[in-house]
Amino acid sequence: NNVWDIPGPQRWPLVGTKWIYITGRYKIAKMHDAFVDLHKRYGNVALEVDRVPVVHLFDRADIEKVLKYPSRYPYRPPTEIVEHYRRSRPDRFASTGIVNTQGEQWHELRVKLTSGITSRKILLAFIPSLNEICDDFVELIRRKRDSNGCVKDFQDLANTVGLEIICCLVLGRRMGFLSGDRQKNEKFGKLAEAVKSTFVYISRSYYGFKLWKYLPTQLYQDYVRCEEIIYDTIAEIVNEALQEEQQQCSEDDVRSIFLSILQTEGLDTKDKIAGIIDLIHAAIETFSNTLSFLLHNLSHLPEKQHKISQEFDSVNPVTSTEMSNATFTKACIKESYRISPTTPCLARILEEDFVLSGYHLNTGTVVICHTRVACQNEQNFRNADKFVPERWLEQVDENQNVYKLDEPGAPLVLPFGTGRRMCPGHRIIDIELTLVMAKIFQQFEVEYHSELDTQFQFLLAPGTPIEVIFRDRN
């Protein structure tokens, strides 16, 4: 069997299978539900056709086979609207960016732009500053609560602390976004809205008709407007940081991330600036979405919140040692990655012929590995629909033998991708979440006051304002 024998929606002339989005069978904002339905309708492998065949993989063995392929330069489909826009602005961009480039060019950008943010030494040195930011975040939560302890739009606060953290790490200075300064809040509000909107427009550009490639459609104009806001706002922050901090930064300071990128040889200055902007851009939405999902998963489980608070007791500041020993907190984070990932699937372009679920796929075939669907399959995880962080902890049997539960789907928990294409910010996100959980549950008991509606915005994100109740912990 070859790719054209794979089951999937009926193919129509000119539009292929895109009619399933045009006629309303699936809504673009609910693509994560559409993926579940594709699995139910067509089984472990399904075919969509745009200009080329796109193969959806839901089987654990198929997904592992693709993602474990030993590639030096893993190929993934570019985000076309981003690629199109950046090529139209050679005054700002020397390349299409680290996410969209391929091969040796991608590898060079990856090595030269991300070495600082993946450095264990730099991340450990950042923990004292992160403690201060998280303490300020807790105080911001206190200020924003109403008389019932409710924060009306927690996502805004999560975005704010996410930006403060990534700017402090990359630029080496506090930006003051948590201070309540009205001018800064207005500037950040526009930035956060633009970041969120770009992901929405990217998803619409991917699943709809691609007229924007030939005409300046409303979708494309809206996308460009958001990209301009993001570039201009972050470039202003970067330039401000450069003017104030350049003379004070030392070789071993955490601020060397910023300067090391700017001082990198053999890289176009436009790539350096765009790389810093991309790091900040990606970190804001990824962190805030992940934090919102994590708190939602814990909000109806007060006993698990209490366990997290016990791991840190009243320690302040929290050190790397406490974070390393916080096994239950880290298990909660990993379980949230499994059940509520912000990235529901991973895309690859096959670099050699594969046989997957009995179908022969040629080199160059685009495949989508649906890790979220697979992680919610009972064949891969016991009680797959339940939030059970204990599954990641060591167990003790009646003879006091220590063992770990055998969860066949464990290798599929990949919230930041895998291999050489893994998100370079995965370590800092883990550290951020651990420390934020420590600070929140030291002080509060948390309860969601509103339903959580999840929307597909290229990433998975809360679709409506989140109301969270923070009650002081006795």
Foldseek 3Di string as FASTA:
>chain_A
DAPVPQAEDQQDPQATRLVCDVVPVDDLFVVVVVLLVRCVVRNQWYWTDGPHIEIEGQDLVQLCVQQVPDDPKFFFAALVLLQLVLVVCVVQAVHSALRGDTDPVNVVLCVQQQPLLLDPLLLQLCLVVLLVLLVLLVVLQVVQADPQQKRFFVLLSLLQSLLQSLCCQALVDGPCSSVPPPVSVVLVVLLVVLLLVLLQLSSCCVSDDPCVSPDVDPSSVSNVVSVVSLLVSVVVVLVVSCVPPVVPDDPSHSNVSNVSLCPDPPDDNSNSSVSSSVSSSVRSQQLSQLLVLLCALCQVPQVLLVLLLVLCVPDPPDHPVSLVPSLSLLLSSLLSLQAPFQQQWGKGQAQAWDQDPNYIYGGRHIYIYGLNSNQQDCVQAPVSNHRDSCQQPWDQDPVRDTDHDDGNSVVSSQSQRDDPNGDSNPVVSSVSSSNSSNSLSNFWRKHWPDDFDWTRSVTIGGPDRTMMRTHGDD
